[in-house]
Amino acid sequence: MRLHARNVAAAAGVPPGDVERVAGEMAAAGDISAESARRIAGP
């Protein structure tokens, strides 16, 4: 599930340095989507 979360975060345009953090938060929340990745990554 974490690999999928990392791929979704990267595809959503999350900066490379933030992908792991964002993927971890998405996996923990059980909400793995591009929208979630962008929301967690912030502006």
N, C-alpha and C. Protein backbone atom coordinates (compact mmCIF):
# COMPACT_ATOMS: atom_id res chain seq x y z
N MET A 1 0.83 -1.19 0.00
CA MET A 1 0.00 0.00 0.00
C MET A 1 0.87 1.26 0.00
N ARG A 2 2.02 1.22 0.66
CA ARG A 2 2.89 2.40 0.69
C ARG A 2 3.47 2.69 -0.69
N LEU A 3 3.80 1.65 -1.45
CA LEU A 3 4.33 1.88 -2.79
C LEU A 3 3.28 2.58 -3.65
N HIS A 4 2.06 2.12 -3.57
CA HIS A 4 0.96 2.75 -4.31
C HIS A 4 0.80 4.21 -3.86
N ALA A 5 0.87 4.45 -2.56
CA ALA A 5 0.74 5.81 -2.04
C ALA A 5 1.87 6.70 -2.55
N ARG A 6 3.08 6.17 -2.60
CA ARG A 6 4.21 6.97 -3.13
C ARG A 6 3.98 7.30 -4.60
N ASN A 7 3.53 6.31 -5.37
CA ASN A 7 3.28 6.55 -6.79
C ASN A 7 2.19 7.59 -7.01
N VAL A 8 1.13 7.51 -6.22
CA VAL A 8 0.04 8.48 -6.34
C VAL A 8 0.53 9.88 -5.96
N ALA A 9 1.30 9.97 -4.89
CA ALA A 9 1.83 11.27 -4.46
C ALA A 9 2.71 11.88 -5.54
N ALA A 10 3.59 11.08 -6.10
CA ALA A 10 4.48 11.58 -7.15
C ALA A 10 3.68 12.01 -8.38
N ALA A 11 2.70 11.23 -8.77
CA ALA A 11 1.87 11.56 -9.93
C ALA A 11 1.03 12.81 -9.69
N ALA A 12 0.72 13.09 -8.43
CA ALA A 12 -0.08 14.27 -8.09
C ALA A 12 0.76 15.54 -8.07
N GLY A 13 2.06 15.40 -8.29
CA GLY A 13 2.91 16.58 -8.34
C GLY A 13 3.54 16.98 -7.02
N VAL A 14 3.51 16.08 -6.04
CA VAL A 14 4.13 16.36 -4.75
C VAL A 14 5.64 16.45 -4.97
N PRO A 15 6.31 17.46 -4.41
CA PRO A 15 7.76 17.57 -4.58
C PRO A 15 8.47 16.31 -4.07
N PRO A 16 9.53 15.88 -4.76
CA PRO A 16 10.22 14.64 -4.40
C PRO A 16 10.61 14.54 -2.93
N GLY A 17 10.98 15.64 -2.32
CA GLY A 17 11.38 15.62 -0.91
C GLY A 17 10.23 15.39 0.05
N ASP A 18 9.00 15.54 -0.42
CA ASP A 18 7.82 15.38 0.43
C ASP A 18 7.04 14.10 0.16
N VAL A 19 7.42 13.35 -0.87
CA VAL A 19 6.65 12.18 -1.28
C VAL A 19 6.53 11.16 -0.15
N GLU A 20 7.62 10.85 0.54
CA GLU A 20 7.56 9.83 1.61
C GLU A 20 6.62 10.25 2.73
N ARG A 21 6.72 11.50 3.15
CA ARG A 21 5.85 11.99 4.23
C ARG A 21 4.39 11.95 3.82
N VAL A 22 4.11 12.46 2.64
CA VAL A 22 2.73 12.49 2.15
C VAL A 22 2.19 11.07 1.99
N ALA A 23 3.00 10.17 1.44
CA ALA A 23 2.57 8.78 1.26
C ALA A 23 2.26 8.13 2.60
N GLY A 24 3.10 8.39 3.59
CA GLY A 24 2.86 7.83 4.92
C GLY A 24 1.57 8.33 5.53
N GLU A 25 1.31 9.61 5.38
CA GLU A 25 0.07 10.17 5.94
C GLU A 25 -1.16 9.63 5.20
N MET A 26 -1.05 9.49 3.88
CA MET A 26 -2.18 8.94 3.13
C MET A 26 -2.44 7.49 3.54
N ALA A 27 -1.38 6.70 3.66
CA ALA A 27 -1.54 5.29 4.04
C ALA A 27 -2.14 5.17 5.43
N ALA A 28 -1.67 6.00 6.36
CA ALA A 28 -2.19 5.95 7.73
C ALA A 28 -3.67 6.32 7.78
N ALA A 29 -4.07 7.26 6.93
CA ALA A 29 -5.46 7.70 6.91
C ALA A 29 -6.35 6.76 6.08
N GLY A 30 -5.71 5.91 5.28
CA GLY A 30 -6.48 5.02 4.42
C GLY A 30 -7.14 5.75 3.26
N ASP A 31 -6.60 6.91 2.91
CA ASP A 31 -7.16 7.74 1.83
C ASP A 31 -6.06 8.00 0.82
N ILE A 32 -5.90 7.10 -0.12
CA ILE A 32 -4.84 7.22 -1.11
C ILE A 32 -5.45 7.72 -2.41
N SER A 33 -5.26 9.01 -2.65
CA SER A 33 -5.78 9.63 -3.87
C SER A 33 -4.94 10.86 -4.18
N ALA A 34 -5.01 11.30 -5.43
CA ALA A 34 -4.27 12.50 -5.82
C ALA A 34 -4.77 13.71 -5.04
N GLU A 35 -6.07 13.78 -4.83
CA GLU A 35 -6.64 14.90 -4.06
C GLU A 35 -6.09 14.91 -2.64
N SER A 36 -6.03 13.75 -2.02
CA SER A 36 -5.50 13.65 -0.67
C SER A 36 -4.02 14.04 -0.64
N ALA A 37 -3.27 13.60 -1.63
CA ALA A 37 -1.84 13.92 -1.70
C ALA A 37 -1.63 15.43 -1.78
N ARG A 38 -2.40 16.08 -2.63
CA ARG A 38 -2.26 17.54 -2.78
C ARG A 38 -2.67 18.26 -1.50
N ARG A 39 -3.72 17.78 -0.85
CA ARG A 39 -4.18 18.41 0.40
C ARG A 39 -3.11 18.28 1.49
N ILE A 40 -2.52 17.10 1.63
CA ILE A 40 -1.51 16.87 2.66
C ILE A 40 -0.25 17.66 2.36
N ALA A 41 0.14 17.72 1.09
CA ALA A 41 1.37 18.43 0.71
C ALA A 41 1.25 19.93 0.95
N GLY A 42 0.04 20.45 0.86
CA GLY A 42 -0.16 21.88 1.08
C GLY A 42 0.10 22.68 -0.17
N PRO A 43 0.10 24.02 0.00
CA PRO A 43 0.24 24.91 -1.17
C PRO A 43 1.57 24.83 -1.86
